[in-house]
Amino acid sequence: MANPTKIFMTGVTGFIGGSVLGRFLDHKDASQFGITALVRSPAKAEKLKSIGVNAVVGSLDDIALTENLASDADVVVSMVCRL
């Protein structure tokens, strides 16, 4: 895979985020995507890793981690809702 499009996603374990992630994974050019997702749950991270997602366990409250992951991406897709 030469120069994949690096996509950083948040909220992928939610209903909408999971649907959007699924669309990326099912896309005809999915092999050209390198998807990184920030998740809070280590168990959910393992499930995501099993389907080819680079899952990073952490929190949006960790500003340095979030900035680092976002700055390395070509595309950022945030689907987090804080109530």
PDB file of N, CA and C in Angstrom:
ATOM      1  N   MET A   1       0.863  -1.170   0.000  1.00  0.00           N
ATOM      2  CA  MET A   1       0.000   0.000   0.000  1.00  0.00           C
ATOM      3  C   MET A   1       0.905   1.227   0.000  1.00  0.00           C
ATOM      4  N   ALA A   2       0.978   1.936  -1.101  1.00  0.00           N
ATOM      5  CA  ALA A   2       1.810   3.128  -1.213  1.00  0.00           C
ATOM      6  C   ALA A   2       1.010   4.364  -0.837  1.00  0.00           C
ATOM      7  N   ASN A   3       1.516   5.098   0.146  1.00  0.00           N
ATOM      8  CA  ASN A   3       0.888   6.346   0.582  1.00  0.00           C
ATOM      9  C   ASN A   3      -0.613   6.222   0.843  1.00  0.00           C
ATOM     10  N   PRO A   4      -0.988   5.412   1.815  1.00  0.00           N
ATOM     11  CA  PRO A   4      -2.419   5.322   2.127  1.00  0.00           C
ATOM     12  C   PRO A   4      -2.929   6.639   2.696  1.00  0.00           C
ATOM     13  N   THR A   5      -4.201   6.890   2.513  1.00  0.00           N
ATOM     14  CA  THR A   5      -4.837   8.053   3.133  1.00  0.00           C
ATOM     15  C   THR A   5      -5.013   7.733   4.604  1.00  0.00           C
ATOM     16  N   LYS A   6      -4.385   8.547   5.459  1.00  0.00           N
ATOM     17  CA  LYS A   6      -4.452   8.321   6.902  1.00  0.00           C
ATOM     18  C   LYS A   6      -5.688   9.016   7.462  1.00  0.00           C
ATOM     19  N   ILE A   7      -6.573   8.221   8.050  1.00  0.00           N
ATOM     20  CA  ILE A   7      -7.840   8.720   8.586  1.00  0.00           C
ATOM     21  C   ILE A   7      -7.842   8.526  10.098  1.00  0.00           C
ATOM     22  N   PHE A   8      -8.071   9.611  10.838  1.00  0.00           N
ATOM     23  CA  PHE A   8      -8.195   9.548  12.292  1.00  0.00           C
ATOM     24  C   PHE A   8      -9.656   9.743  12.643  1.00  0.00           C
ATOM     25  N   MET A   9     -10.198   8.805  13.426  1.00  0.00           N
ATOM     26  CA  MET A   9     -11.618   8.847  13.754  1.00  0.00           C
ATOM     27  C   MET A   9     -11.834   8.794  15.264  1.00  0.00           C
ATOM     28  N   THR A  10     -12.869   9.502  15.713  1.00  0.00           N
ATOM     29  CA  THR A  10     -13.329   9.397  17.092  1.00  0.00           C
ATOM     30  C   THR A  10     -14.811   9.039  17.052  1.00  0.00           C
ATOM     31  N   GLY A  11     -15.274   8.399  18.097  1.00  0.00           N
ATOM     32  CA  GLY A  11     -16.690   8.053  18.180  1.00  0.00           C
ATOM     33  C   GLY A  11     -17.083   6.803  17.427  1.00  0.00           C
ATOM     34  N   VAL A  12     -16.112   5.979  17.048  1.00  0.00           N
ATOM     35  CA  VAL A  12     -16.426   4.812  16.213  1.00  0.00           C
ATOM     36  C   VAL A  12     -17.170   3.705  16.951  1.00  0.00           C
ATOM     37  N   THR A  13     -17.223   3.759  18.275  1.00  0.00           N
ATOM     38  CA  THR A  13     -17.950   2.716  19.003  1.00  0.00           C
ATOM     39  C   THR A  13     -19.413   3.079  19.216  1.00  0.00           C
ATOM     40  N   GLY A  14     -19.808   4.264  18.777  1.00  0.00           N
ATOM     41  CA  GLY A  14     -21.204   4.671  18.848  1.00  0.00           C
ATOM     42  C   GLY A  14     -21.965   4.254  17.600  1.00  0.00           C
ATOM     43  N   PHE A  15     -23.256   4.524  17.592  1.00  0.00           N
ATOM     44  CA  PHE A  15     -24.120   4.112  16.479  1.00  0.00           C
ATOM     45  C   PHE A  15     -23.705   4.771  15.159  1.00  0.00           C
ATOM     46  N   ILE A  16     -23.630   6.084  15.146  1.00  0.00           N
ATOM     47  CA  ILE A  16     -23.286   6.796  13.907  1.00  0.00           C
ATOM     48  C   ILE A  16     -21.830   6.548  13.541  1.00  0.00           C
ATOM     49  N   GLY A  17     -20.945   6.668  14.517  1.00  0.00           N
ATOM     50  CA  GLY A  17     -19.525   6.454  14.252  1.00  0.00           C
ATOM     51  C   GLY A  17     -19.235   5.063  13.728  1.00  0.00           C
ATOM     52  N   GLY A  18     -19.910   4.073  14.283  1.00  0.00           N
ATOM     53  CA  GLY A  18     -19.731   2.710  13.805  1.00  0.00           C
ATOM     54  C   GLY A  18     -20.212   2.541  12.376  1.00  0.00           C
ATOM     55  N   SER A  19     -21.288   3.226  12.036  1.00  0.00           N
ATOM     56  CA  SER A  19     -21.805   3.173  10.662  1.00  0.00           C
ATOM     57  C   SER A  19     -20.833   3.824   9.689  1.00  0.00           C
ATOM     58  N   VAL A  20     -20.282   4.961  10.078  1.00  0.00           N
ATOM     59  CA  VAL A  20     -19.318   5.653   9.212  1.00  0.00           C
ATOM     60  C   VAL A  20     -18.056   4.801   9.054  1.00  0.00           C
ATOM     61  N   LEU A  21     -17.572   4.234  10.151  1.00  0.00           N
ATOM     62  CA  LEU A  21     -16.406   3.351  10.067  1.00  0.00           C
ATOM     63  C   LEU A  21     -16.692   2.188   9.124  1.00  0.00           C
ATOM     64  N   GLY A  22     -17.866   1.600   9.240  1.00  0.00           N
ATOM     65  CA  GLY A  22     -18.242   0.500   8.359  1.00  0.00           C
ATOM     66  C   GLY A  22     -18.216   0.891   6.891  1.00  0.00           C
ATOM     67  N   ARG A  23     -18.651   2.105   6.604  1.00  0.00           N
ATOM     68  CA  ARG A  23     -18.631   2.581   5.207  1.00  0.00           C
ATOM     69  C   ARG A  23     -17.199   2.698   4.693  1.00  0.00           C
ATOM     70  N   PHE A  24     -16.303   3.202   5.544  1.00  0.00           N
ATOM     71  CA  PHE A  24     -14.893   3.273   5.144  1.00  0.00           C
ATOM     72  C   PHE A  24     -14.332   1.873   4.908  1.00  0.00           C
ATOM     73  N   LEU A  25     -14.622   0.946   5.810  1.00  0.00           N
ATOM     74  CA  LEU A  25     -14.081  -0.407   5.688  1.00  0.00           C
ATOM     75  C   LEU A  25     -14.659  -1.157   4.496  1.00  0.00           C
ATOM     76  N   ASP A  26     -15.895  -0.846   4.103  1.00  0.00           N
ATOM     77  CA  ASP A  26     -16.539  -1.502   2.964  1.00  0.00           C
ATOM     78  C   ASP A  26     -16.271  -0.798   1.636  1.00  0.00           C
ATOM     79  N   HIS A  27     -15.629   0.348   1.678  1.00  0.00           N
ATOM     80  CA  HIS A  27     -15.383   1.139   0.467  1.00  0.00           C
ATOM     81  C   HIS A  27     -14.519   0.350  -0.513  1.00  0.00           C
ATOM     82  N   LYS A  28     -14.748   0.549  -1.797  1.00  0.00           N
ATOM     83  CA  LYS A  28     -13.995  -0.185  -2.816  1.00  0.00           C
ATOM     84  C   LYS A  28     -12.499   0.091  -2.746  1.00  0.00           C
ATOM     85  N   ASP A  29     -12.107   1.235  -2.191  1.00  0.00           N
ATOM     86  CA  ASP A  29     -10.692   1.586  -2.056  1.00  0.00           C
ATOM     87  C   ASP A  29     -10.205   1.463  -0.613  1.00  0.00           C
ATOM     88  N   ALA A  30     -10.874   0.640   0.184  1.00  0.00           N
ATOM     89  CA  ALA A  30     -10.539   0.517   1.610  1.00  0.00           C
ATOM     90  C   ALA A  30      -9.079   0.147   1.839  1.00  0.00           C
ATOM     91  N   SER A  31      -8.492  -0.580   0.908  1.00  0.00           N
ATOM     92  CA  SER A  31      -7.086  -0.964   1.076  1.00  0.00           C
ATOM     93  C   SER A  31      -6.158   0.244   1.010  1.00  0.00           C
ATOM     94  N   GLN A  32      -6.675   1.362   0.539  1.00  0.00           N
ATOM     95  CA  GLN A  32      -5.884   2.591   0.447  1.00  0.00           C
ATOM     96  C   GLN A  32      -6.054   3.486   1.670  1.00  0.00           C
ATOM     97  N   PHE A  33      -6.772   3.010   2.683  1.00  0.00           N
ATOM     98  CA  PHE A  33      -6.990   3.784   3.904  1.00  0.00           C
ATOM     99  C   PHE A  33      -6.204   3.169   5.054  1.00  0.00           C
ATOM    100  N   GLY A  34      -5.607   4.021   5.848  1.00  0.00           N
ATOM    101  CA  GLY A  34      -5.020   3.607   7.118  1.00  0.00           C
ATOM    102  C   GLY A  34      -5.851   4.268   8.203  1.00  0.00           C
ATOM    103  N   ILE A  35      -6.694   3.507   8.880  1.00  0.00           N
ATOM    104  CA  ILE A  35      -7.641   4.083   9.836  1.00  0.00           C
ATOM    105  C   ILE A  35      -7.130   3.916  11.262  1.00  0.00           C
ATOM    106  N   THR A  36      -7.071   5.037  11.969  1.00  0.00           N
ATOM    107  CA  THR A  36      -6.733   5.057  13.387  1.00  0.00           C
ATOM    108  C   THR A  36      -7.943   5.577  14.136  1.00  0.00           C
ATOM    109  N   ALA A  37      -8.314   4.883  15.207  1.00  0.00           N
ATOM    110  CA  ALA A  37      -9.475   5.290  15.997  1.00  0.00           C
ATOM    111  C   ALA A  37      -9.077   5.428  17.461  1.00  0.00           C
ATOM    112  N   LEU A  38      -9.509   6.508  18.073  1.00  0.00           N
ATOM    113  CA  LEU A  38      -9.308   6.724  19.503  1.00  0.00           C
ATOM    114  C   LEU A  38     -10.523   6.176  20.236  1.00  0.00           C
ATOM    115  N   VAL A  39     -10.291   5.224  21.133  1.00  0.00           N
ATOM    116  CA  VAL A  39     -11.381   4.610  21.897  1.00  0.00           C
ATOM    117  C   VAL A  39     -11.010   4.555  23.375  1.00  0.00           C
ATOM    118  N   ARG A  40     -12.016   4.535  24.228  1.00  0.00           N
ATOM    119  CA  ARG A  40     -11.772   4.494  25.676  1.00  0.00           C
ATOM    120  C   ARG A  40     -11.607   3.076  26.209  1.00  0.00           C
ATOM    121  N   SER A  41     -12.236   2.124  25.571  1.00  0.00           N
ATOM    122  CA  SER A  41     -12.289   0.756  26.090  1.00  0.00           C
ATOM    123  C   SER A  41     -11.218  -0.146  25.462  1.00  0.00           C
ATOM    124  N   PRO A  42     -10.361  -0.758  26.297  1.00  0.00           N
ATOM    125  CA  PRO A  42      -9.390  -1.709  25.750  1.00  0.00           C
ATOM    126  C   PRO A  42     -10.058  -2.892  25.038  1.00  0.00           C
ATOM    127  N   ALA A  43     -11.192  -3.352  25.544  1.00  0.00           N
ATOM    128  CA  ALA A  43     -11.890  -4.478  24.902  1.00  0.00           C
ATOM    129  C   ALA A  43     -12.384  -4.089  23.513  1.00  0.00           C
ATOM    130  N   LYS A  44     -12.941  -2.895  23.389  1.00  0.00           N
ATOM    131  CA  LYS A  44     -13.409  -2.436  22.079  1.00  0.00           C
ATOM    132  C   LYS A  44     -12.232  -2.182  21.147  1.00  0.00           C
ATOM    133  N   ALA A  45     -11.110  -1.745  21.706  1.00  0.00           N
ATOM    134  CA  ALA A  45      -9.910  -1.547  20.891  1.00  0.00           C
ATOM    135  C   ALA A  45      -9.466  -2.866  20.273  1.00  0.00           C
ATOM    136  N   GLU A  46      -9.505  -3.934  21.051  1.00  0.00           N
ATOM    137  CA  GLU A  46      -9.112  -5.245  20.530  1.00  0.00           C
ATOM    138  C   GLU A  46     -10.031  -5.691  19.397  1.00  0.00           C
ATOM    139  N   LYS A  47     -11.325  -5.451  19.536  1.00  0.00           N
ATOM    140  CA  LYS A  47     -12.268  -5.808  18.465  1.00  0.00           C
ATOM    141  C   LYS A  47     -11.957  -5.028  17.193  1.00  0.00           C
ATOM    142  N   LEU A  48     -11.659  -3.740  17.343  1.00  0.00           N
ATOM    143  CA  LEU A  48     -11.341  -2.916  16.177  1.00  0.00           C
ATOM    144  C   LEU A  48     -10.043  -3.375  15.521  1.00  0.00           C
ATOM    145  N   LYS A  49      -9.068  -3.718  16.332  1.00  0.00           N
ATOM    146  CA  LYS A  49      -7.796  -4.195  15.787  1.00  0.00           C
ATOM    147  C   LYS A  49      -8.004  -5.466  14.972  1.00  0.00           C
ATOM    148  N   SER A  50      -8.946  -6.303  15.402  1.00  0.00           N
ATOM    149  CA  SER A  50      -9.190  -7.565  14.698  1.00  0.00           C
ATOM    150  C   SER A  50      -9.779  -7.353  13.302  1.00  0.00           C
ATOM    151  N   ILE A  51     -10.305  -6.153  13.038  1.00  0.00           N
ATOM    152  CA  ILE A  51     -10.842  -5.862  11.699  1.00  0.00           C
ATOM    153  C   ILE A  51      -9.956  -4.875  10.938  1.00  0.00           C
ATOM    154  N   GLY A  52      -8.725  -4.683  11.430  1.00  0.00           N
ATOM    155  CA  GLY A  52      -7.756  -3.892  10.683  1.00  0.00           C
ATOM    156  C   GLY A  52      -7.660  -2.425  11.035  1.00  0.00           C
ATOM    157  N   VAL A  53      -8.312  -2.015  12.112  1.00  0.00           N
ATOM    158  CA  VAL A  53      -8.258  -0.614  12.538  1.00  0.00           C
ATOM    159  C   VAL A  53      -7.148  -0.470  13.570  1.00  0.00           C
ATOM    160  N   ASN A  54      -6.336   0.571  13.430  1.00  0.00           N
ATOM    161  CA  ASN A  54      -5.329   0.890  14.436  1.00  0.00           C
ATOM    162  C   ASN A  54      -6.044   1.601  15.579  1.00  0.00           C
ATOM    163  N   ALA A  55      -6.410   0.852  16.605  1.00  0.00           N
ATOM    164  CA  ALA A  55      -7.167   1.405  17.726  1.00  0.00           C
ATOM    165  C   ALA A  55      -6.211   1.841  18.828  1.00  0.00           C
ATOM    166  N   VAL A  56      -6.370   3.087  19.263  1.00  0.00           N
ATOM    167  CA  VAL A  56      -5.552   3.650  20.332  1.00  0.00           C
ATOM    168  C   VAL A  56      -6.463   3.875  21.534  1.00  0.00           C
ATOM    169  N   VAL A  57      -6.087   3.309  22.667  1.00  0.00           N
ATOM    170  CA  VAL A  57      -6.880   3.490  23.885  1.00  0.00           C
ATOM    171  C   VAL A  57      -6.487   4.809  24.532  1.00  0.00           C
ATOM    172  N   GLY A  58      -7.482   5.647  24.754  1.00  0.00           N
ATOM    173  CA  GLY A  58      -7.238   6.945  25.362  1.00  0.00           C
ATOM    174  C   GLY A  58      -8.527   7.725  25.451  1.00  0.00           C
ATOM    175  N   SER A  59      -8.372   9.021  25.657  1.00  0.00           N
ATOM    176  CA  SER A  59      -9.529   9.889  25.848  1.00  0.00           C
ATOM    177  C   SER A  59      -9.305  11.214  25.139  1.00  0.00           C
ATOM    178  N   LEU A  60     -10.384  11.820  24.708  1.00  0.00           N
ATOM    179  CA  LEU A  60     -10.289  13.167  24.141  1.00  0.00           C
ATOM    180  C   LEU A  60      -9.804  14.169  25.181  1.00  0.00           C
ATOM    181  N   ASP A  61      -9.927  13.815  26.447  1.00  0.00           N
ATOM    182  CA  ASP A  61      -9.419  14.683  27.507  1.00  0.00           C
ATOM    183  C   ASP A  61      -7.896  14.755  27.503  1.00  0.00           C
ATOM    184  N   ASP A  62      -7.257  13.777  26.874  1.00  0.00           N
ATOM    185  CA  ASP A  62      -5.804  13.796  26.717  1.00  0.00           C
ATOM    186  C   ASP A  62      -5.493  14.600  25.455  1.00  0.00           C
ATOM    187  N   ILE A  63      -5.365  15.900  25.651  1.00  0.00           N
ATOM    188  CA  ILE A  63      -5.197  16.822  24.518  1.00  0.00           C
ATOM    189  C   ILE A  63      -3.952  16.486  23.703  1.00  0.00           C
ATOM    190  N   ALA A  64      -2.847  16.196  24.362  1.00  0.00           N
ATOM    191  CA  ALA A  64      -1.604  15.907  23.640  1.00  0.00           C
ATOM    192  C   ALA A  64      -1.762  14.678  22.743  1.00  0.00           C
ATOM    193  N   LEU A  65      -2.380  13.627  23.264  1.00  0.00           N
ATOM    194  CA  LEU A  65      -2.600  12.414  22.469  1.00  0.00           C
ATOM    195  C   LEU A  65      -3.507  12.706  21.282  1.00  0.00           C
ATOM    196  N   THR A  66      -4.605  13.389  21.535  1.00  0.00           N
ATOM    197  CA  THR A  66      -5.560  13.701  20.470  1.00  0.00           C
ATOM    198  C   THR A  66      -4.911  14.564  19.391  1.00  0.00           C
ATOM    199  N   GLU A  67      -4.168  15.580  19.795  1.00  0.00           N
ATOM    200  CA  GLU A  67      -3.488  16.445  18.823  1.00  0.00           C
ATOM    201  C   GLU A  67      -2.465  15.661  18.020  1.00  0.00           C
ATOM    202  N   ASN A  68      -1.737  14.773  18.673  1.00  0.00           N
ATOM    203  CA  ASN A  68      -0.735  13.973  17.981  1.00  0.00           C
ATOM    204  C   ASN A  68      -1.381  13.078  16.925  1.00  0.00           C
ATOM    205  N   LEU A  69      -2.452  12.395  17.301  1.00  0.00           N
ATOM    206  CA  LEU A  69      -3.134  11.513  16.353  1.00  0.00           C
ATOM    207  C   LEU A  69      -3.748  12.305  15.199  1.00  0.00           C
ATOM    208  N   ALA A  70      -4.357  13.436  15.508  1.00  0.00           N
ATOM    209  CA  ALA A  70      -4.993  14.249  14.468  1.00  0.00           C
ATOM    210  C   ALA A  70      -3.964  14.877  13.536  1.00  0.00           C
ATOM    211  N   SER A  71      -2.844  15.313  14.085  1.00  0.00           N
ATOM    212  CA  SER A  71      -1.850  15.994  13.244  1.00  0.00           C
ATOM    213  C   SER A  71      -1.164  15.038  12.280  1.00  0.00           C
ATOM    214  N   ASP A  72      -1.186  13.752  12.582  1.00  0.00           N
ATOM    215  CA  ASP A  72      -0.575  12.760  11.701  1.00  0.00           C
ATOM    216  C   ASP A  72      -1.526  12.307  10.591  1.00  0.00           C
ATOM    217  N   ALA A  73      -2.782  12.718  10.672  1.00  0.00           N
ATOM    218  CA  ALA A  73      -3.799  12.244   9.721  1.00  0.00           C
ATOM    219  C   ALA A  73      -3.968  13.190   8.537  1.00  0.00           C
ATOM    220  N   ASP A  74      -4.407  12.610   7.425  1.00  0.00           N
ATOM    221  CA  ASP A  74      -4.810  13.406   6.262  1.00  0.00           C
ATOM    222  C   ASP A  74      -6.248  13.874   6.418  1.00  0.00           C
ATOM    223  N   VAL A  75      -7.050  13.053   7.099  1.00  0.00           N
ATOM    224  CA  VAL A  75      -8.474  13.329   7.292  1.00  0.00           C
ATOM    225  C   VAL A  75      -8.816  13.042   8.751  1.00  0.00           C
ATOM    226  N   VAL A  76      -9.599  13.938   9.370  1.00  0.00           N
ATOM    227  CA  VAL A  76     -10.084  13.724  10.732  1.00  0.00           C
ATOM    228  C   VAL A  76     -11.607  13.675  10.684  1.00  0.00           C
ATOM    229  N   VAL A  77     -12.175  12.610  11.257  1.00  0.00           N
ATOM    230  CA  VAL A  77     -13.622  12.453  11.311  1.00  0.00           C
ATOM    231  C   VAL A  77     -13.996  12.264  12.782  1.00  0.00           C
ATOM    232  N   SER A  78     -14.644  13.280  13.357  1.00  0.00           N
ATOM    233  CA  SER A  78     -15.016  13.220  14.767  1.00  0.00           C
ATOM    234  C   SER A  78     -16.525  13.077  14.891  1.00  0.00           C
ATOM    235  N   MET A  79     -16.937  12.006  15.567  1.00  0.00           N
ATOM    236  CA  MET A  79     -18.365  11.740  15.743  1.00  0.00           C
ATOM    237  C   MET A  79     -18.693  11.563  17.213  1.00  0.00           C
ATOM    238  N   VAL A  80     -18.065  12.380  18.031  1.00  0.00           N
ATOM    239  CA  VAL A  80     -18.256  12.309  19.477  1.00  0.00           C
ATOM    240  C   VAL A  80     -19.275  13.350  19.896  1.00  0.00           C
ATOM    241  N   CYS A  81     -20.165  12.943  20.770  1.00  0.00           N
ATOM    242  CA  CYS A  81     -21.138  13.869  21.345  1.00  0.00           C
ATOM    243  C   CYS A  81     -20.984  13.818  22.849  1.00  0.00           C
ATOM    244  N   ARG A  82     -20.687  14.943  23.420  1.00  0.00           N
ATOM    245  CA  ARG A  82     -20.577  15.009  24.883  1.00  0.00           C
ATOM    246  C   ARG A  82     -21.818  15.674  25.423  1.00  0.00           C
ATOM    247  N   LEU A  83     -22.497  14.985  26.316  1.00  0.00           N
ATOM    248  CA  LEU A  83     -23.717  15.519  26.909  1.00  0.00           C
ATOM    249  C   LEU A  83     -23.451  16.048  28.289  1.00  0.00           C
TER     250      LEU A  83
END
